[in-house]
Amino acid sequence: MITSPAFAQRKFALLGLARSGLAAAHSLHAGGAELLAWDNDESARAKVADIARIADPLEVDLTGFDGIVVSPGVPINRHPIAEKARNTGIPLIGDIELFSMARPDLPAHRVIGITGTNGKSTTTSLVHHILKSAALPTRMAGNIGLPILSQAPLPAGGVYVLELSSYQIDITHSLACEAAALINLSPDHLDRYDGYEGYKASKARLFDMQTPKQHSVFGKGDDDTAAVYRAVLAKRGPEVVHLADPAKIHGQSEWPSLQGPHNLQNIAVAIGLVEALGISEAQWRPALRSFRGLAHRMEIVAERNGVLFVNDSKATNAASTAPALAAYPRIHWIVGGLAKSDNLDECAPNFGHVVKAYTIGEAGPLFTKLLSPHMPVESSEMMGAAVYSAASQAQPGDVIMLSPACASFDQFKDFEARGDAFKAIVEAL
């Protein structure tokens, strides 16, 4: 566990006690803080009842508190806790800000922060793998699903690699990353922001927290990321502000878990980050060859009779699915779920790679209508029906890919459960 004497004799209210909130509660308690905690789930409250006063921060006087620690899942653009924080002058913070507060008490280390609309988890995992391969002590945490405060502190010389969502950046105020990256930008999570401009501004704040001599890396491929790059470059200069150009990366065919143009962008950003910390090409190139990728992100599940099965369940929007469709020439595409938009326009340039689409979930009827003018479409409704039908029609050399371009919550608990279901169905063929 990471904790700090900086927490001692201070008072914090916690709202949300899932993974990151629970880790924050234990870290703060271990550091000597006084806690008030709340979650709508009674079982979550029970987990901290021995270390915190259980009460809803909306209903108590917070005079004298030093911070309100909110879960990234709390929509601070519309939740009443934000108004209470403004009225009382108490900052809204998250577990990443608590980590930042603890940094001066940790052994000498560096932090890499990675954000973007798509590719964050793959890039974070890849950077962690490269550093580990180079024999540097490293921890991976953040939005990738590993709370940073639950990690054991690194020894001197270590590197913390943090995947950061816009939600996490919104409640972080002092995290100065030795190297930070913005991979790409496209509209997402707009229910949490004042339009797309608000979402982009949230991502750009990661670089506002850096010092002038810390490194910033930007993906190349969209105008919005390019605009943030130019703004940061104008302030800090080319010595520390880098554009990661995929066209300059050679050898992708040798890295089986990193296929497709989107992964070439992820690779370029990862290389930019590790080189900023002194890792050489002689160190990162063999690490790319041994990287095995993430579950549910272009994950090769099986090969049957010359047909490859690929689980890309983590592709929860069209921008994330689009590059997956570019990765293979003949794809049987399983698509659908809980739609985030009423179109698949970002996928359209790669429709020529789709042999047939199999629509599932709540978005099935809409996607069938959208895709039918462009390709053969089968309305499957359920995952199992889609996989079995695709398997019966695919030819050697074809790929059967689950890349839903949708959230999972119409039929599954989360994208992991959806991907696991796909893998189980493939295993049962």
Protein backbone atom coordinates (compact mmCIF):
# COMPACT_ATOMS: atom_id res chain seq x y z
CA MET A 1 0.00 0.00 0.00
CA ILE A 2 1.14 3.55 -0.78
CA THR A 3 0.51 6.01 2.01
CA SER A 4 2.06 9.18 3.40
CA PRO A 5 2.55 11.20 6.58
CA ALA A 6 1.10 14.06 4.54
CA PHE A 7 -2.32 12.55 5.33
CA ALA A 8 -1.82 12.69 9.11
CA GLN A 9 -4.26 14.74 11.18
CA ARG A 10 -6.24 15.72 8.09
CA LYS A 11 -9.92 15.06 7.38
CA PHE A 12 -11.27 13.60 4.19
CA ALA A 13 -14.76 12.65 3.00
CA LEU A 14 -14.98 9.78 0.53
CA LEU A 15 -17.85 9.32 -1.94
CA GLY A 16 -17.72 6.00 -3.78
CA LEU A 17 -16.08 2.91 -2.29
CA ALA A 18 -15.38 0.65 -5.25
CA ARG A 19 -11.80 -0.36 -6.07
CA SER A 20 -10.09 3.04 -6.09
CA GLY A 21 -12.25 4.45 -3.28
CA LEU A 22 -11.58 1.47 -1.03
CA ALA A 23 -7.83 1.71 -1.69
CA ALA A 24 -7.95 5.45 -0.91
CA ALA A 25 -9.76 4.81 2.37
CA HIS A 26 -7.15 2.33 3.57
CA SER A 27 -4.24 4.50 2.41
CA LEU A 28 -5.60 7.58 4.15
CA HIS A 29 -6.35 5.66 7.34
CA ALA A 30 -2.85 4.16 7.37
CA GLY A 31 -1.45 7.68 6.96
CA GLY A 32 -3.31 8.94 10.02
CA ALA A 33 -6.26 10.73 8.40
CA GLU A 34 -9.74 11.05 9.85
CA LEU A 35 -12.35 9.71 7.43
CA LEU A 36 -16.01 10.05 6.60
CA ALA A 37 -17.16 7.63 3.90
CA TRP A 38 -20.23 6.81 1.86
CA ASP A 39 -21.39 4.53 -0.94
CA ASN A 40 -24.95 3.74 -1.96
CA ASP A 41 -24.06 0.06 -1.67
CA GLU A 42 -24.43 -1.10 1.93
CA SER A 43 -21.89 -3.89 1.47
CA ALA A 44 -19.30 -1.35 0.24
CA ARG A 45 -19.92 0.81 3.31
CA ALA A 46 -19.42 -2.21 5.56
CA LYS A 47 -15.88 -2.67 4.21
CA VAL A 48 -14.71 0.61 5.77
CA ALA A 49 -16.97 0.78 8.83
CA ASP A 50 -14.02 0.03 11.13
CA ILE A 51 -11.87 2.88 9.81
CA ALA A 52 -14.36 5.61 8.86
CA ARG A 53 -17.46 7.37 10.09
CA ILE A 54 -20.25 6.22 7.77
CA ALA A 55 -22.34 9.15 6.54
CA ASP A 56 -23.37 10.75 3.25
CA PRO A 57 -21.16 13.84 2.74
CA LEU A 58 -24.15 15.59 1.19
CA GLU A 59 -25.96 15.42 4.51
CA VAL A 60 -23.29 16.45 7.01
CA ASP A 61 -21.32 19.58 7.86
CA LEU A 62 -17.91 19.33 6.16
CA THR A 63 -16.38 22.35 7.86
CA GLY A 64 -12.70 21.66 8.54
CA PHE A 65 -12.35 18.91 5.91
CA ASP A 66 -9.31 18.97 3.64
CA GLY A 67 -10.78 17.21 0.63
CA ILE A 68 -13.70 15.27 -0.80
CA VAL A 69 -12.35 12.11 -2.47
CA VAL A 70 -14.78 11.09 -5.20
CA SER A 71 -14.76 8.00 -7.36
CA PRO A 72 -14.10 8.68 -11.07
CA GLY A 73 -17.54 7.22 -11.68
CA VAL A 74 -19.26 10.10 -9.87
CA PRO A 75 -20.51 12.53 -12.58
CA ILE A 76 -19.18 15.75 -11.06
CA ASN A 77 -20.70 17.87 -13.84
CA ARG A 78 -24.16 17.14 -12.44
CA HIS A 79 -23.79 15.45 -9.03
CA PRO A 80 -24.75 17.70 -6.09
CA ILE A 81 -21.43 16.93 -4.37
CA ALA A 82 -19.75 19.33 -6.81
CA GLU A 83 -21.97 22.23 -5.74
CA LYS A 84 -21.37 21.41 -2.08
CA ALA A 85 -17.62 21.39 -2.71
CA ARG A 86 -17.80 24.81 -4.38
CA ASN A 87 -19.96 26.27 -1.61
CA THR A 88 -17.66 25.01 1.16
CA GLY A 89 -14.37 25.67 -0.65
CA ILE A 90 -13.27 22.05 -0.23
CA PRO A 91 -11.45 20.55 -3.25
CA LEU A 92 -12.85 17.57 -5.11
CA ILE A 93 -9.98 15.11 -5.55
CA GLY A 94 -9.40 11.49 -6.53
CA ASP A 95 -6.98 8.72 -5.71
CA ILE A 96 -4.48 9.98 -8.32
CA GLU A 97 -4.29 13.33 -6.50
CA LEU A 98 -3.74 11.49 -3.21
CA PHE A 99 -0.87 9.62 -4.89
CA SER A 100 0.54 12.96 -6.00
CA MET A 101 0.36 14.23 -2.43
CA ALA A 102 2.22 11.11 -1.27
CA ARG A 103 5.03 11.33 -3.87
CA PRO A 104 7.48 13.44 -1.79
CA ASP A 105 7.55 10.69 0.84
CA LEU A 106 8.21 7.85 -1.63
CA PRO A 107 11.65 6.65 -2.75
CA ALA A 108 12.95 8.66 -5.73
CA HIS A 109 10.90 7.69 -8.76
CA ARG A 110 9.37 8.89 -12.01
CA VAL A 111 5.78 8.86 -13.28
CA ILE A 112 4.46 8.26 -16.80
CA GLY A 113 0.87 9.38 -17.40
CA ILE A 114 -1.06 8.19 -20.46
CA THR A 115 -4.41 9.47 -21.70
CA GLY A 116 -6.42 9.58 -24.93
CA THR A 117 -9.79 8.42 -26.17
CA ASN A 118 -8.61 5.03 -27.41
CA GLY A 119 -5.51 2.88 -26.95
CA LYS A 120 -4.75 3.92 -23.36
CA SER A 121 -4.72 0.44 -21.87
CA THR A 122 -2.62 -1.12 -24.61
CA THR A 123 -0.11 1.74 -24.52
CA THR A 124 0.07 1.67 -20.72
CA SER A 125 0.62 -2.08 -20.69
CA LEU A 126 3.21 -1.82 -23.46
CA VAL A 127 5.18 0.92 -21.68
CA HIS A 128 5.12 -1.14 -18.47
CA HIS A 129 6.36 -4.19 -20.39
CA ILE A 130 9.21 -2.27 -22.03
CA LEU A 131 10.37 -0.84 -18.69
CA LYS A 132 10.16 -4.24 -17.03
CA SER A 133 12.12 -5.79 -19.90
CA ALA A 134 14.77 -3.09 -19.37
CA ALA A 135 15.06 -4.21 -15.71
CA LEU A 136 13.56 -1.03 -14.28
CA PRO A 137 11.31 -1.39 -11.21
CA THR A 138 7.82 -0.48 -12.44
CA ARG A 139 4.16 -0.48 -11.41
CA MET A 140 1.14 -0.16 -13.69
CA ALA A 141 -2.03 1.41 -12.25
CA GLY A 142 -4.91 3.82 -12.76
CA ASN A 143 -7.76 3.46 -15.22
CA ILE A 144 -6.39 0.10 -16.33
CA GLY A 145 -8.14 -1.29 -13.25
CA LEU A 146 -5.36 -1.32 -10.65
CA PRO A 147 -5.76 1.35 -7.95
CA ILE A 148 -2.45 3.14 -7.50
CA LEU A 149 -2.77 3.44 -3.71
CA SER A 150 -3.14 -0.32 -3.29
CA GLN A 151 0.27 -0.89 -4.93
CA ALA A 152 3.43 -1.49 -2.95
CA PRO A 153 5.82 1.49 -3.20
CA LEU A 154 8.62 1.08 -5.71
CA PRO A 155 12.28 1.13 -4.67
CA ALA A 156 14.43 4.09 -5.69
CA GLY A 157 14.68 4.43 -9.47
CA GLY A 158 11.24 2.98 -10.13
CA VAL A 159 8.66 4.18 -12.65
CA TYR A 160 4.90 4.32 -12.04
CA VAL A 161 2.93 3.96 -15.30
CA LEU A 162 -0.57 5.42 -14.98
CA GLU A 163 -3.45 5.10 -17.40
CA LEU A 164 -5.55 8.22 -16.86
CA SER A 165 -9.13 8.76 -17.96
CA SER A 166 -10.57 12.23 -18.36
CA TYR A 167 -12.63 11.54 -15.23
CA GLN A 168 -9.46 10.97 -13.24
CA ILE A 169 -7.73 14.03 -14.65
CA ASP A 170 -10.76 16.14 -13.69
CA ILE A 171 -10.16 15.42 -10.00
CA THR A 172 -6.35 15.61 -10.13
CA HIS A 173 -4.64 18.96 -9.57
CA SER A 174 -0.92 18.45 -8.92
CA LEU A 175 0.31 15.34 -10.75
CA ALA A 176 3.47 16.42 -12.56
CA CYS A 177 4.43 13.47 -14.79
CA GLU A 178 8.04 13.15 -15.88
CA ALA A 179 6.57 11.96 -19.19
CA ALA A 180 2.92 12.31 -20.26
CA ALA A 181 1.13 11.30 -23.44
CA LEU A 182 -2.05 12.08 -25.35
CA ILE A 183 -2.58 9.28 -27.87
CA ASN A 184 -5.63 10.59 -29.74
CA LEU A 185 -8.94 12.42 -29.37
CA SER A 186 -12.45 11.73 -30.62
CA PRO A 187 -15.89 12.47 -29.11
CA ASP A 188 -16.62 10.27 -26.08
CA HIS A 189 -18.22 10.58 -22.62
CA LEU A 190 -19.97 13.76 -23.73
CA ASP A 191 -22.64 13.30 -21.04
CA ARG A 192 -19.93 14.30 -18.54
CA TYR A 193 -18.81 17.52 -20.27
CA ASP A 194 -20.01 20.77 -21.76
CA GLY A 195 -19.70 19.36 -25.27
CA TYR A 196 -16.63 17.99 -27.02
CA GLU A 197 -14.61 21.11 -26.23
CA GLY A 198 -14.98 20.39 -22.52
CA TYR A 199 -13.82 16.79 -23.00
CA LYS A 200 -10.74 17.90 -24.98
CA ALA A 201 -9.89 20.51 -22.35
CA SER A 202 -10.04 17.84 -19.66
CA LYS A 203 -7.47 15.71 -21.45
CA ALA A 204 -5.20 18.71 -22.09
CA ARG A 205 -5.02 19.48 -18.36
CA LEU A 206 -2.59 16.59 -17.93
CA PHE A 207 0.07 18.75 -19.62
CA ASP A 208 -0.83 21.88 -17.67
CA MET A 209 0.25 20.05 -14.50
CA GLN A 210 3.74 19.31 -15.85
CA THR A 211 6.81 21.40 -15.17
CA PRO A 212 8.58 23.12 -18.12
CA LYS A 213 11.30 20.44 -18.38
CA GLN A 214 9.07 17.38 -18.25
CA HIS A 215 8.39 15.46 -21.46
CA SER A 216 5.11 15.43 -23.40
CA VAL A 217 4.35 12.97 -26.21
CA PHE A 218 1.50 13.26 -28.71
CA GLY A 219 0.05 10.75 -31.15
CA LYS A 220 -0.17 11.72 -34.81
CA GLY A 221 -3.38 11.12 -36.70
CA ASP A 222 -6.18 13.52 -35.71
CA ASP A 223 -6.59 17.28 -35.81
CA ASP A 224 -7.68 17.68 -32.20
CA THR A 225 -4.59 15.97 -30.78
CA ALA A 226 -2.49 18.01 -33.18
CA ALA A 227 -4.02 21.21 -31.79
CA VAL A 228 -3.09 20.27 -28.22
CA TYR A 229 0.40 19.32 -29.41
CA ARG A 230 0.91 22.71 -31.06
CA ALA A 231 -0.29 24.56 -27.95
CA VAL A 232 2.06 22.64 -25.64
CA LEU A 233 4.93 22.91 -28.13
CA ALA A 234 4.53 26.70 -28.26
CA LYS A 235 4.82 26.91 -24.47
CA ARG A 236 7.58 24.39 -23.81
CA GLY A 237 9.58 23.80 -27.02
CA PRO A 238 10.73 20.79 -29.10
CA GLU A 239 13.34 19.58 -26.61
CA VAL A 240 10.61 18.16 -24.36
CA VAL A 241 7.50 18.13 -26.60
CA HIS A 242 7.46 15.23 -29.04
CA LEU A 243 5.24 14.11 -31.91
CA ALA A 244 5.10 10.31 -32.16
CA ASP A 245 4.97 9.54 -35.88
CA PRO A 246 3.87 5.95 -36.71
CA ALA A 247 5.43 6.29 -40.18
CA LYS A 248 8.88 6.29 -38.57
CA ILE A 249 8.34 2.92 -36.85
CA HIS A 250 9.55 -0.15 -38.73
CA GLY A 251 9.22 -3.85 -37.94
CA GLN A 252 5.55 -4.14 -36.94
CA SER A 253 5.21 -7.48 -38.72
CA GLU A 254 7.60 -8.92 -36.11
CA TRP A 255 5.28 -7.99 -33.21
CA PRO A 256 2.30 -10.39 -33.46
CA SER A 257 0.29 -8.89 -30.60
CA LEU A 258 0.55 -5.37 -32.00
CA GLN A 259 -1.02 -5.58 -35.44
CA GLY A 260 -3.12 -2.89 -37.13
CA PRO A 261 -2.61 0.84 -37.71
CA HIS A 262 -4.02 1.74 -34.30
CA ASN A 263 -1.37 -0.37 -32.61
CA LEU A 264 1.33 1.27 -34.72
CA GLN A 265 0.20 4.57 -33.19
CA ASN A 266 0.24 3.00 -29.71
CA ILE A 267 3.76 1.71 -30.38
CA ALA A 268 4.97 5.13 -31.52
CA VAL A 269 3.62 6.82 -28.39
CA ALA A 270 5.05 4.12 -26.12
CA ILE A 271 8.49 4.49 -27.73
CA GLY A 272 8.31 8.26 -27.34
CA LEU A 273 7.59 7.89 -23.63
CA VAL A 274 10.27 5.33 -22.81
CA GLU A 275 12.92 7.12 -24.87
CA ALA A 276 12.12 10.29 -22.90
CA LEU A 277 13.16 8.29 -19.83
CA GLY A 278 16.39 7.09 -21.44
CA ILE A 279 15.39 3.68 -22.85
CA SER A 280 17.24 2.88 -26.08
CA GLU A 281 16.03 1.17 -29.25
CA ALA A 282 18.23 -1.80 -28.34
CA GLN A 283 16.05 -2.17 -25.23
CA TRP A 284 12.56 -1.43 -26.58
CA ARG A 285 12.72 -3.37 -29.84
CA PRO A 286 13.04 -6.88 -28.32
CA ALA A 287 10.38 -5.94 -25.75
CA LEU A 288 7.88 -5.27 -28.54
CA ARG A 289 8.51 -8.77 -29.87
CA SER A 290 7.75 -10.39 -26.51
CA PHE A 291 4.66 -8.28 -25.71
CA ARG A 292 1.56 -10.44 -25.42
CA GLY A 293 -1.13 -7.76 -25.41
CA LEU A 294 -4.18 -7.21 -23.26
CA ALA A 295 -7.20 -9.38 -22.73
CA HIS A 296 -10.20 -8.09 -24.70
CA ARG A 297 -8.14 -5.77 -26.94
CA MET A 298 -7.35 -7.39 -30.28
CA GLU A 299 -6.81 -10.58 -28.29
CA ILE A 300 -6.17 -13.65 -30.42
CA VAL A 301 -8.40 -16.31 -28.88
CA ALA A 302 -7.98 -19.30 -31.19
CA GLU A 303 -7.38 -20.50 -34.72
CA ARG A 304 -9.73 -23.17 -36.06
CA ASN A 305 -9.46 -24.62 -39.56
CA GLY A 306 -7.47 -21.63 -40.73
CA VAL A 307 -9.97 -19.12 -39.23
CA LEU A 308 -8.67 -16.70 -36.61
CA PHE A 309 -10.93 -15.64 -33.70
CA VAL A 310 -10.19 -12.19 -32.25
CA ASN A 311 -11.70 -10.71 -29.07
CA ASP A 312 -11.84 -6.91 -29.23
CA SER A 313 -14.57 -6.47 -26.62
CA LYS A 314 -12.85 -3.37 -25.20
CA ALA A 315 -13.79 -1.48 -28.38
CA THR A 316 -16.78 0.32 -26.89
CA ASN A 317 -17.13 3.06 -29.52
CA ALA A 318 -16.83 3.38 -33.28
CA ALA A 319 -13.48 5.19 -33.10
CA SER A 320 -12.01 2.22 -31.25
CA THR A 321 -13.48 -0.36 -33.62
CA ALA A 322 -12.41 1.46 -36.81
CA PRO A 323 -8.69 0.59 -36.61
CA ALA A 324 -9.52 -2.98 -35.61
CA LEU A 325 -11.35 -3.39 -38.90
CA ALA A 326 -8.25 -2.11 -40.68
CA ALA A 327 -6.05 -4.80 -39.14
CA TYR A 328 -7.22 -7.75 -41.29
CA PRO A 329 -8.38 -8.00 -44.93
CA ARG A 330 -11.35 -10.42 -44.49
CA ILE A 331 -13.40 -10.02 -41.31
CA HIS A 332 -16.65 -11.50 -40.07
CA TRP A 333 -17.62 -8.63 -37.78
CA ILE A 334 -19.70 -9.16 -34.63
CA VAL A 335 -20.98 -5.70 -33.70
CA GLY A 336 -23.54 -4.22 -31.34
CA GLY A 337 -24.50 -3.71 -27.72
CA LEU A 338 -25.57 -0.47 -26.05
CA ALA A 339 -24.87 2.20 -28.66
CA LYS A 340 -23.02 5.40 -27.72
CA SER A 341 -24.05 7.16 -30.93
CA ASP A 342 -26.48 6.72 -33.82
CA ASN A 343 -23.84 6.10 -36.48
CA LEU A 344 -20.76 4.07 -37.38
CA ASP A 345 -19.21 6.74 -39.58
CA GLU A 346 -15.70 6.32 -38.18
CA CYS A 347 -15.73 2.65 -39.23
CA ALA A 348 -16.86 3.38 -42.79
CA PRO A 349 -13.37 3.72 -44.36
CA ASN A 350 -12.71 0.08 -43.42
CA PHE A 351 -16.06 -1.45 -44.46
CA GLY A 352 -14.28 -3.00 -47.45
CA HIS A 353 -12.50 -5.39 -45.05
CA VAL A 354 -15.79 -6.82 -43.78
CA VAL A 355 -17.00 -10.03 -45.41
CA LYS A 356 -20.19 -9.99 -43.35
CA ALA A 357 -21.53 -8.27 -40.22
CA TYR A 358 -23.47 -9.99 -37.45
CA THR A 359 -25.42 -7.52 -35.31
CA ILE A 360 -26.18 -8.20 -31.64
CA GLY A 361 -27.74 -6.48 -28.65
CA GLU A 362 -29.90 -3.40 -28.31
CA ALA A 363 -28.13 -1.63 -31.17
CA GLY A 364 -28.71 -4.59 -33.49
CA PRO A 365 -31.68 -3.20 -35.46
CA LEU A 366 -30.04 0.22 -35.87
CA PHE A 367 -26.71 -1.25 -36.97
CA THR A 368 -28.44 -3.66 -39.37
CA LYS A 369 -30.08 -0.68 -41.05
CA LEU A 370 -26.83 1.31 -41.13
CA LEU A 371 -24.66 -1.51 -42.48
CA SER A 372 -26.99 -3.25 -44.95
CA PRO A 373 -26.25 -0.84 -47.83
CA HIS A 374 -22.53 -1.59 -47.49
CA MET A 375 -22.18 -5.30 -46.74
CA PRO A 376 -24.10 -8.53 -46.06
CA VAL A 377 -25.64 -8.33 -42.57
CA GLU A 378 -27.15 -11.00 -40.34
CA SER A 379 -29.35 -9.95 -37.40
CA SER A 380 -28.07 -12.36 -34.75
CA GLU A 381 -29.29 -10.62 -31.56
CA MET A 382 -27.27 -12.90 -29.26
CA MET A 383 -23.51 -13.43 -29.15
CA GLY A 384 -23.72 -17.22 -29.41
CA ALA A 385 -25.84 -17.12 -32.55
CA ALA A 386 -23.40 -14.67 -34.15
CA VAL A 387 -20.30 -16.75 -33.38
CA TYR A 388 -21.82 -20.03 -34.52
CA SER A 389 -23.15 -18.55 -37.76
CA ALA A 390 -19.88 -16.80 -38.56
CA ALA A 391 -17.91 -19.98 -37.84
CA SER A 392 -20.09 -21.93 -40.27
CA GLN A 393 -19.52 -19.40 -43.06
CA ALA A 394 -15.89 -18.33 -42.61
CA GLN A 395 -13.22 -19.62 -45.00
CA PRO A 396 -9.55 -20.35 -44.22
CA GLY A 397 -7.74 -17.02 -43.93
CA ASP A 398 -10.82 -15.21 -42.62
CA VAL A 399 -11.05 -13.56 -39.19
CA ILE A 400 -14.06 -13.69 -36.88
CA MET A 401 -13.85 -10.58 -34.74
CA LEU A 402 -15.90 -9.32 -31.83
CA SER A 403 -15.40 -5.54 -32.00
CA PRO A 404 -18.74 -4.20 -30.78
CA ALA A 405 -18.37 -0.39 -31.12
CA CYS A 406 -20.78 -0.27 -28.17
CA ALA A 407 -20.96 -0.43 -24.42
CA SER A 408 -21.85 -3.83 -23.00
CA PHE A 409 -24.50 -3.02 -20.43
CA ASP A 410 -27.53 -4.19 -22.42
CA GLN A 411 -26.49 -7.85 -22.12
CA PHE A 412 -23.32 -8.01 -19.98
CA LYS A 413 -21.97 -6.61 -16.71
CA ASP A 414 -18.98 -5.05 -18.46
CA PHE A 415 -16.75 -5.44 -21.51
CA GLU A 416 -14.69 -8.09 -19.69
CA ALA A 417 -17.76 -10.28 -19.19
CA ARG A 418 -18.69 -9.80 -22.85
CA GLY A 419 -15.20 -10.79 -23.99
CA ASP A 420 -15.15 -13.79 -21.67
CA ALA A 421 -18.48 -14.91 -23.12
CA PHE A 422 -17.04 -14.68 -26.64
CA LYS A 423 -14.00 -16.73 -25.63
CA ALA A 424 -16.17 -19.37 -23.95
CA ILE A 425 -18.34 -19.69 -27.05
CA VAL A 426 -15.28 -20.05 -29.28
CA GLU A 427 -13.85 -22.74 -26.98
CA ALA A 428 -17.13 -24.64 -27.23
CA LEU A 429 -17.19 -24.71 -31.04
